[in-house]
Amino acid sequence: MTERPVLETIRALLRFKDHTTIAEIAKIGGLRARHVLDVVNRNGEFVHRVRKNGKITKVDVQSPLRDELWKSGAFYRPDTYGAWSVEGHCLKFEGHPEIREALQQGRWVGAICDNYEVKVIIDTPENRAALEVAGLRPWDEAVIDDRLWIEEPV
């Protein structure tokens, strides 16, 4: 038996078709319908469904964790800046105003008569090293998994 049979069954069914139901998850997963219903209700914030008919259309466990990790201020990621196109590459992160103040530079973006100055941290090896010395890690190293999904019913 798998570690998260309800979640894995829902994902397998949604890869095959656009929606699924509690009865179908129970039948395909070899589980009791009541158990599936309890697990889906317990993890309701991650399950997107049509309230009118109860069809499950999507399961997204990773977005809340992704948001939580990004807002923690422990990671940085490469980004771009510019008015209408990519005018340069920069580094983006949440919080840490003292680091931001020390590393940011002003850049003029836009066109003639329609330009403005932005404050960015230019994507250079030196700036990346400074962020890592301050304790920030690259966004690629963030572990985003299904740890928020709980299989045991209430």
N, C-alpha and C. Protein backbone atom coordinates (compact mmCIF):
# COMPACT_ATOMS: atom_id res chain seq x y z
N MET A 1 0.84 -1.19 0.00
CA MET A 1 0.00 0.00 0.00
C MET A 1 0.88 1.24 0.00
N THR A 2 0.45 2.26 -0.66
CA THR A 2 1.24 3.49 -0.76
C THR A 2 1.06 4.35 0.49
N GLU A 3 1.89 5.34 0.61
CA GLU A 3 1.86 6.20 1.79
C GLU A 3 0.63 7.10 1.81
N ARG A 4 0.21 7.58 0.64
CA ARG A 4 -0.96 8.46 0.52
C ARG A 4 -1.88 7.93 -0.58
N PRO A 5 -2.60 6.86 -0.29
CA PRO A 5 -3.39 6.21 -1.35
C PRO A 5 -4.50 7.10 -1.92
N VAL A 6 -5.16 7.89 -1.10
CA VAL A 6 -6.25 8.74 -1.59
C VAL A 6 -5.69 9.80 -2.52
N LEU A 7 -4.63 10.49 -2.11
CA LEU A 7 -4.03 11.53 -2.93
C LEU A 7 -3.50 10.97 -4.25
N GLU A 8 -2.82 9.84 -4.18
CA GLU A 8 -2.26 9.25 -5.39
C GLU A 8 -3.35 8.76 -6.35
N THR A 9 -4.44 8.24 -5.81
CA THR A 9 -5.56 7.81 -6.65
C THR A 9 -6.23 9.01 -7.32
N ILE A 10 -6.43 10.08 -6.58
CA ILE A 10 -7.03 11.29 -7.16
C ILE A 10 -6.15 11.81 -8.30
N ARG A 11 -4.85 11.89 -8.06
CA ARG A 11 -3.94 12.40 -9.10
C ARG A 11 -3.94 11.50 -10.33
N ALA A 12 -3.97 10.18 -10.12
CA ALA A 12 -3.99 9.26 -11.25
C ALA A 12 -5.26 9.44 -12.07
N LEU A 13 -6.39 9.58 -11.41
CA LEU A 13 -7.66 9.77 -12.12
C LEU A 13 -7.69 11.11 -12.85
N LEU A 14 -7.16 12.17 -12.23
CA LEU A 14 -7.18 13.48 -12.87
C LEU A 14 -6.18 13.60 -14.01
N ARG A 15 -5.18 12.73 -14.04
CA ARG A 15 -4.30 12.69 -15.22
C ARG A 15 -5.04 12.10 -16.41
N PHE A 16 -6.01 11.23 -16.12
CA PHE A 16 -6.74 10.54 -17.18
C PHE A 16 -7.95 11.34 -17.67
N LYS A 17 -8.62 12.05 -16.75
CA LYS A 17 -9.82 12.79 -17.14
C LYS A 17 -9.92 14.09 -16.36
N ASP A 18 -10.93 14.88 -16.64
CA ASP A 18 -11.05 16.23 -16.07
C ASP A 18 -11.58 16.29 -14.65
N HIS A 19 -12.29 15.29 -14.22
CA HIS A 19 -12.87 15.32 -12.87
C HIS A 19 -13.06 13.89 -12.36
N THR A 20 -13.27 13.80 -11.06
CA THR A 20 -13.51 12.50 -10.43
C THR A 20 -14.47 12.69 -9.27
N THR A 21 -14.94 11.59 -8.71
CA THR A 21 -15.89 11.63 -7.60
C THR A 21 -15.36 10.78 -6.44
N ILE A 22 -15.98 10.92 -5.29
CA ILE A 22 -15.60 10.14 -4.11
C ILE A 22 -15.77 8.65 -4.40
N ALA A 23 -16.89 8.28 -4.99
CA ALA A 23 -17.15 6.86 -5.28
C ALA A 23 -16.12 6.28 -6.24
N GLU A 24 -15.74 7.05 -7.22
CA GLU A 24 -14.76 6.59 -8.19
C GLU A 24 -13.37 6.43 -7.56
N ILE A 25 -12.99 7.36 -6.69
CA ILE A 25 -11.71 7.27 -5.98
C ILE A 25 -11.69 6.03 -5.11
N ALA A 26 -12.78 5.78 -4.39
CA ALA A 26 -12.87 4.61 -3.52
C ALA A 26 -12.79 3.32 -4.33
N LYS A 27 -13.49 3.25 -5.43
CA LYS A 27 -13.52 2.04 -6.25
C LYS A 27 -12.15 1.76 -6.87
N ILE A 28 -11.54 2.76 -7.49
CA ILE A 28 -10.24 2.57 -8.14
C ILE A 28 -9.14 2.33 -7.12
N GLY A 29 -9.19 3.02 -5.99
CA GLY A 29 -8.15 2.89 -4.97
C GLY A 29 -8.34 1.70 -4.05
N GLY A 30 -9.48 1.00 -4.15
CA GLY A 30 -9.74 -0.13 -3.26
C GLY A 30 -9.93 0.31 -1.82
N LEU A 31 -10.58 1.45 -1.62
CA LEU A 31 -10.77 2.01 -0.29
C LEU A 31 -12.26 2.13 0.02
N ARG A 32 -12.59 2.32 1.28
CA ARG A 32 -13.98 2.56 1.64
C ARG A 32 -14.35 3.99 1.28
N ALA A 33 -15.57 4.18 0.80
CA ALA A 33 -16.02 5.50 0.37
C ALA A 33 -16.02 6.49 1.54
N ARG A 34 -16.39 6.03 2.73
CA ARG A 34 -16.42 6.90 3.91
C ARG A 34 -15.01 7.39 4.25
N HIS A 35 -14.03 6.49 4.14
CA HIS A 35 -12.64 6.87 4.41
C HIS A 35 -12.19 7.94 3.42
N VAL A 36 -12.49 7.74 2.13
CA VAL A 36 -12.11 8.71 1.10
C VAL A 36 -12.79 10.05 1.38
N LEU A 37 -14.06 10.03 1.72
CA LEU A 37 -14.80 11.26 2.02
C LEU A 37 -14.18 11.99 3.21
N ASP A 38 -13.84 11.27 4.26
CA ASP A 38 -13.23 11.89 5.44
C ASP A 38 -11.88 12.52 5.10
N VAL A 39 -11.07 11.82 4.31
CA VAL A 39 -9.75 12.34 3.93
C VAL A 39 -9.90 13.58 3.06
N VAL A 40 -10.81 13.54 2.11
CA VAL A 40 -11.04 14.70 1.23
C VAL A 40 -11.56 15.89 2.04
N ASN A 41 -12.47 15.65 2.97
CA ASN A 41 -12.98 16.74 3.81
C ASN A 41 -11.90 17.31 4.71
N ARG A 42 -11.04 16.45 5.24
CA ARG A 42 -9.96 16.93 6.12
C ARG A 42 -8.98 17.80 5.35
N ASN A 43 -8.74 17.48 4.10
CA ASN A 43 -7.79 18.22 3.27
C ASN A 43 -8.53 19.14 2.30
N GLY A 44 -9.69 19.62 2.70
CA GLY A 44 -10.55 20.40 1.83
C GLY A 44 -9.92 21.64 1.23
N GLU A 45 -8.98 22.28 1.93
CA GLU A 45 -8.36 23.49 1.41
C GLU A 45 -7.48 23.22 0.19
N PHE A 46 -7.07 21.98 0.00
CA PHE A 46 -6.22 21.62 -1.13
C PHE A 46 -7.01 21.03 -2.30
N VAL A 47 -8.28 20.70 -2.06
CA VAL A 47 -9.10 20.01 -3.07
C VAL A 47 -10.04 21.03 -3.72
N HIS A 48 -9.93 21.16 -5.03
CA HIS A 48 -10.82 22.05 -5.78
C HIS A 48 -11.96 21.19 -6.33
N ARG A 49 -13.18 21.58 -6.01
CA ARG A 49 -14.32 20.78 -6.44
C ARG A 49 -15.49 21.66 -6.81
N VAL A 50 -16.39 21.10 -7.57
CA VAL A 50 -17.62 21.78 -7.94
C VAL A 50 -18.61 21.49 -6.81
N ARG A 51 -19.01 22.49 -6.07
CA ARG A 51 -19.89 22.30 -4.92
C ARG A 51 -21.25 21.76 -5.31
N LYS A 52 -21.69 22.09 -6.51
CA LYS A 52 -23.02 21.70 -6.94
C LYS A 52 -23.17 20.18 -7.08
N ASN A 53 -22.14 19.53 -7.63
CA ASN A 53 -22.26 18.09 -7.87
C ASN A 53 -21.17 17.27 -7.18
N GLY A 54 -20.24 17.90 -6.48
CA GLY A 54 -19.23 17.18 -5.72
C GLY A 54 -18.06 16.64 -6.53
N LYS A 55 -17.96 17.00 -7.79
CA LYS A 55 -16.86 16.49 -8.62
C LYS A 55 -15.57 17.20 -8.27
N ILE A 56 -14.52 16.43 -8.10
CA ILE A 56 -13.20 16.96 -7.78
C ILE A 56 -12.49 17.24 -9.10
N THR A 57 -12.00 18.49 -9.25
CA THR A 57 -11.38 18.88 -10.50
C THR A 57 -9.87 19.09 -10.39
N LYS A 58 -9.37 19.28 -9.17
CA LYS A 58 -7.94 19.56 -9.01
C LYS A 58 -7.54 19.33 -7.56
N VAL A 59 -6.30 18.91 -7.36
CA VAL A 59 -5.73 18.79 -6.02
C VAL A 59 -4.41 19.54 -6.05
N ASP A 60 -4.28 20.55 -5.19
CA ASP A 60 -3.07 21.37 -5.16
C ASP A 60 -2.58 21.49 -3.72
N VAL A 61 -1.68 20.60 -3.36
CA VAL A 61 -1.13 20.58 -2.00
C VAL A 61 0.10 21.46 -1.90
N GLN A 62 0.75 21.70 -3.02
CA GLN A 62 2.06 22.35 -2.99
C GLN A 62 2.01 23.88 -2.99
N SER A 63 0.97 24.49 -3.51
CA SER A 63 0.92 25.96 -3.56
C SER A 63 0.97 26.62 -2.18
N PRO A 64 0.19 26.16 -1.19
CA PRO A 64 0.31 26.79 0.14
C PRO A 64 1.71 26.65 0.73
N LEU A 65 2.34 25.50 0.52
CA LEU A 65 3.69 25.30 1.04
C LEU A 65 4.68 26.20 0.29
N ARG A 66 4.50 26.33 -1.01
CA ARG A 66 5.36 27.19 -1.82
C ARG A 66 5.24 28.65 -1.33
N ASP A 67 4.03 29.10 -1.09
CA ASP A 67 3.82 30.46 -0.58
C ASP A 67 4.44 30.64 0.79
N GLU A 68 4.26 29.66 1.66
CA GLU A 68 4.81 29.73 3.02
C GLU A 68 6.33 29.79 2.99
N LEU A 69 6.96 28.96 2.16
CA LEU A 69 8.42 28.96 2.07
C LEU A 69 8.94 30.27 1.50
N TRP A 70 8.27 30.81 0.49
CA TRP A 70 8.73 32.06 -0.11
C TRP A 70 8.60 33.22 0.89
N LYS A 71 7.48 33.27 1.61
CA LYS A 71 7.26 34.36 2.57
C LYS A 71 8.16 34.25 3.79
N SER A 72 8.77 33.10 4.01
CA SER A 72 9.67 32.94 5.15
C SER A 72 10.92 33.79 5.02
N GLY A 73 11.26 34.21 3.81
CA GLY A 73 12.44 35.05 3.61
C GLY A 73 13.74 34.29 3.62
N ALA A 74 13.68 32.98 3.49
CA ALA A 74 14.90 32.17 3.54
C ALA A 74 15.46 31.85 2.16
N PHE A 75 14.79 32.31 1.10
CA PHE A 75 15.21 31.95 -0.24
C PHE A 75 15.26 33.18 -1.15
N TYR A 76 16.10 33.09 -2.20
CA TYR A 76 16.13 34.10 -3.24
C TYR A 76 16.02 33.40 -4.59
N ARG A 77 15.58 34.16 -5.61
CA ARG A 77 15.49 33.58 -6.95
C ARG A 77 15.84 34.63 -7.99
N PRO A 78 16.31 34.17 -9.13
CA PRO A 78 16.60 35.12 -10.21
C PRO A 78 15.30 35.66 -10.79
N ASP A 79 15.33 36.89 -11.24
CA ASP A 79 14.16 37.54 -11.81
C ASP A 79 14.65 38.50 -12.89
N THR A 80 13.75 39.18 -13.54
CA THR A 80 14.11 40.17 -14.55
C THR A 80 13.44 41.49 -14.20
N TYR A 81 14.00 42.56 -14.70
CA TYR A 81 13.37 43.86 -14.52
C TYR A 81 13.34 44.57 -15.86
N GLY A 82 12.44 45.49 -15.97
CA GLY A 82 12.29 46.26 -17.19
C GLY A 82 10.88 46.79 -17.29
N ALA A 83 10.69 47.77 -18.15
CA ALA A 83 9.38 48.39 -18.29
C ALA A 83 8.48 47.54 -19.18
N TRP A 84 8.91 47.22 -20.37
CA TRP A 84 8.07 46.46 -21.30
C TRP A 84 8.76 45.19 -21.79
N SER A 85 10.02 45.08 -21.52
CA SER A 85 10.76 43.90 -21.93
C SER A 85 11.83 43.63 -20.89
N VAL A 86 12.59 42.59 -21.10
CA VAL A 86 13.66 42.27 -20.16
C VAL A 86 14.83 43.21 -20.42
N GLU A 87 15.11 44.09 -19.48
CA GLU A 87 16.22 45.01 -19.63
C GLU A 87 17.41 44.57 -18.79
N GLY A 88 17.20 43.61 -17.90
CA GLY A 88 18.30 43.11 -17.09
C GLY A 88 17.83 42.01 -16.16
N HIS A 89 18.78 41.33 -15.56
CA HIS A 89 18.49 40.24 -14.64
C HIS A 89 18.81 40.70 -13.23
N CYS A 90 17.94 40.33 -12.30
CA CYS A 90 18.12 40.73 -10.91
C CYS A 90 17.80 39.56 -9.99
N LEU A 91 17.98 39.77 -8.70
CA LEU A 91 17.67 38.77 -7.69
C LEU A 91 16.50 39.28 -6.86
N LYS A 92 15.60 38.39 -6.52
CA LYS A 92 14.39 38.76 -5.78
C LYS A 92 14.31 37.91 -4.52
N PHE A 93 13.89 38.53 -3.40
CA PHE A 93 13.68 37.82 -2.15
C PHE A 93 12.75 38.63 -1.28
N GLU A 94 12.21 38.00 -0.25
CA GLU A 94 11.28 38.65 0.68
C GLU A 94 12.04 39.06 1.94
N GLY A 95 11.63 40.18 2.51
CA GLY A 95 12.18 40.63 3.79
C GLY A 95 13.62 41.10 3.69
N HIS A 96 14.34 41.08 4.79
CA HIS A 96 15.75 41.45 4.89
C HIS A 96 16.03 42.85 4.33
N PRO A 97 15.44 43.90 4.90
CA PRO A 97 15.66 45.25 4.36
C PRO A 97 17.12 45.71 4.45
N GLU A 98 17.85 45.22 5.46
CA GLU A 98 19.25 45.64 5.59
C GLU A 98 20.11 45.09 4.44
N ILE A 99 19.84 43.88 4.04
CA ILE A 99 20.58 43.28 2.91
C ILE A 99 20.17 43.99 1.62
N ARG A 100 18.88 44.22 1.47
CA ARG A 100 18.37 44.88 0.27
C ARG A 100 19.00 46.27 0.12
N GLU A 101 19.05 47.02 1.22
CA GLU A 101 19.62 48.37 1.18
C GLU A 101 21.10 48.35 0.81
N ALA A 102 21.83 47.36 1.29
CA ALA A 102 23.26 47.30 1.00
C ALA A 102 23.57 46.89 -0.43
N LEU A 103 22.72 46.07 -1.05
CA LEU A 103 23.04 45.52 -2.37
C LEU A 103 22.31 46.16 -3.54
N GLN A 104 21.22 46.87 -3.29
CA GLN A 104 20.42 47.36 -4.42
C GLN A 104 21.08 48.54 -5.12
N GLN A 105 20.80 48.63 -6.41
CA GLN A 105 21.31 49.70 -7.26
C GLN A 105 20.15 50.27 -8.06
N GLY A 106 20.28 51.50 -8.44
CA GLY A 106 19.25 52.13 -9.25
C GLY A 106 19.50 51.88 -10.73
N ARG A 107 18.45 51.59 -11.47
CA ARG A 107 18.53 51.39 -12.91
C ARG A 107 17.38 52.14 -13.56
N TRP A 108 17.66 52.81 -14.66
CA TRP A 108 16.61 53.50 -15.41
C TRP A 108 16.04 52.55 -16.44
N VAL A 109 14.73 52.41 -16.45
CA VAL A 109 14.06 51.53 -17.41
C VAL A 109 13.01 52.33 -18.16
N GLY A 110 12.64 51.85 -19.34
CA GLY A 110 11.63 52.50 -20.14
C GLY A 110 12.22 53.10 -21.39
N ALA A 111 11.50 54.05 -21.96
CA ALA A 111 11.90 54.67 -23.21
C ALA A 111 11.97 56.18 -23.03
N ILE A 112 12.31 56.86 -24.08
CA ILE A 112 12.42 58.32 -24.04
C ILE A 112 11.07 58.92 -23.63
N CYS A 113 11.10 59.80 -22.68
CA CYS A 113 9.92 60.50 -22.15
C CYS A 113 8.97 59.58 -21.37
N ASP A 114 9.31 58.35 -21.21
CA ASP A 114 8.46 57.43 -20.45
C ASP A 114 9.36 56.45 -19.69
N ASN A 115 10.27 57.01 -18.91
CA ASN A 115 11.19 56.15 -18.17
C ASN A 115 11.13 56.47 -16.68
N TYR A 116 11.63 55.55 -15.89
CA TYR A 116 11.63 55.72 -14.45
C TYR A 116 12.75 54.87 -13.86
N GLU A 117 13.08 55.16 -12.61
CA GLU A 117 14.17 54.45 -11.95
C GLU A 117 13.60 53.35 -11.05
N VAL A 118 14.21 52.18 -11.11
CA VAL A 118 13.86 51.08 -10.23
C VAL A 118 15.08 50.72 -9.40
N LYS A 119 14.84 50.24 -8.20
CA LYS A 119 15.92 49.76 -7.34
C LYS A 119 15.92 48.24 -7.40
N VAL A 120 17.02 47.66 -7.88
CA VAL A 120 17.12 46.21 -8.04
C VAL A 120 18.47 45.73 -7.51
N ILE A 121 18.52 44.44 -7.25
CA ILE A 121 19.77 43.78 -6.88
C ILE A 121 20.20 43.01 -8.12
N ILE A 122 21.24 43.48 -8.76
CA ILE A 122 21.70 42.89 -10.02
C ILE A 122 22.18 41.46 -9.76
N ASP A 123 21.86 40.56 -10.70
CA ASP A 123 22.23 39.15 -10.58
C ASP A 123 23.69 38.97 -10.98
N THR A 124 24.56 39.03 -9.97
CA THR A 124 25.99 38.80 -10.18
C THR A 124 26.47 37.74 -9.19
N PRO A 125 27.57 37.07 -9.47
CA PRO A 125 28.09 36.09 -8.52
C PRO A 125 28.40 36.70 -7.15
N GLU A 126 28.84 37.95 -7.13
CA GLU A 126 29.15 38.60 -5.85
C GLU A 126 27.89 38.82 -5.02
N ASN A 127 26.81 39.26 -5.67
CA ASN A 127 25.56 39.47 -4.94
C ASN A 127 24.96 38.15 -4.47
N ARG A 128 25.06 37.11 -5.30
CA ARG A 128 24.58 35.79 -4.87
C ARG A 128 25.37 35.31 -3.65
N ALA A 129 26.68 35.51 -3.68
CA ALA A 129 27.52 35.10 -2.54
C ALA A 129 27.14 35.88 -1.29
N ALA A 130 26.87 37.18 -1.43
CA ALA A 130 26.47 38.00 -0.27
C ALA A 130 25.15 37.51 0.31
N LEU A 131 24.21 37.14 -0.55
CA LEU A 131 22.93 36.62 -0.05
C LEU A 131 23.11 35.29 0.65
N GLU A 132 23.96 34.44 0.13
CA GLU A 132 24.17 33.14 0.76
C GLU A 132 24.93 33.27 2.08
N VAL A 133 25.83 34.24 2.18
CA VAL A 133 26.51 34.50 3.46
C VAL A 133 25.50 34.98 4.49
N ALA A 134 24.49 35.73 4.05
CA ALA A 134 23.45 36.22 4.96
C ALA A 134 22.45 35.14 5.34
N GLY A 135 22.57 33.94 4.75
CA GLY A 135 21.70 32.84 5.13
C GLY A 135 20.61 32.50 4.14
N LEU A 136 20.49 33.23 3.06
CA LEU A 136 19.47 32.93 2.06
C LEU A 136 19.97 31.82 1.14
N ARG A 137 19.06 30.97 0.70
CA ARG A 137 19.39 29.85 -0.18
C ARG A 137 18.71 30.04 -1.52
N PRO A 138 19.27 29.47 -2.58
CA PRO A 138 18.59 29.56 -3.89
C PRO A 138 17.23 28.88 -3.85
N TRP A 139 16.27 29.43 -4.56
CA TRP A 139 14.90 28.91 -4.60
C TRP A 139 14.89 27.48 -5.12
N ASP A 140 15.82 27.13 -5.97
CA ASP A 140 15.89 25.76 -6.51
C ASP A 140 16.11 24.72 -5.42
N GLU A 141 16.65 25.12 -4.29
CA GLU A 141 16.92 24.19 -3.19
C GLU A 141 15.72 24.01 -2.26
N ALA A 142 14.65 24.76 -2.46
CA ALA A 142 13.46 24.63 -1.61
C ALA A 142 12.80 23.28 -1.87
N VAL A 143 12.44 22.59 -0.80
CA VAL A 143 11.78 21.29 -0.92
C VAL A 143 10.27 21.51 -0.81
N ILE A 144 9.60 21.33 -1.94
CA ILE A 144 8.16 21.53 -1.99
C ILE A 144 7.54 20.17 -2.29
N ASP A 145 6.86 19.61 -1.30
CA ASP A 145 6.32 18.26 -1.44
C ASP A 145 4.88 18.22 -0.91
N ASP A 146 4.41 17.03 -0.61
CA ASP A 146 3.03 16.84 -0.18
C ASP A 146 2.89 16.71 1.33
N ARG A 147 3.77 17.30 2.09
CA ARG A 147 3.76 17.11 3.55
C ARG A 147 2.51 17.68 4.23
N LEU A 148 1.80 18.59 3.59
CA LEU A 148 0.59 19.16 4.20
C LEU A 148 -0.63 18.25 4.10
N TRP A 149 -0.60 17.29 3.18
CA TRP A 149 -1.72 16.36 2.99
C TRP A 149 -1.74 15.36 4.13
N ILE A 150 -2.90 15.19 4.76
CA ILE A 150 -3.04 14.25 5.88
C ILE A 150 -4.02 13.16 5.48
N GLU A 151 -3.58 11.92 5.50
CA GLU A 151 -4.42 10.79 5.07
C GLU A 151 -5.33 10.27 6.18
N GLU A 152 -4.95 10.43 7.43
CA GLU A 152 -5.78 9.92 8.51
C GLU A 152 -7.01 10.78 8.66
N PRO A 153 -8.19 10.19 8.63
CA PRO A 153 -9.40 10.98 8.83
C PRO A 153 -9.52 11.46 10.27
N VAL A 154 -10.31 12.50 10.48
CA VAL A 154 -10.48 13.07 11.82
C VAL A 154 -11.21 12.11 12.71
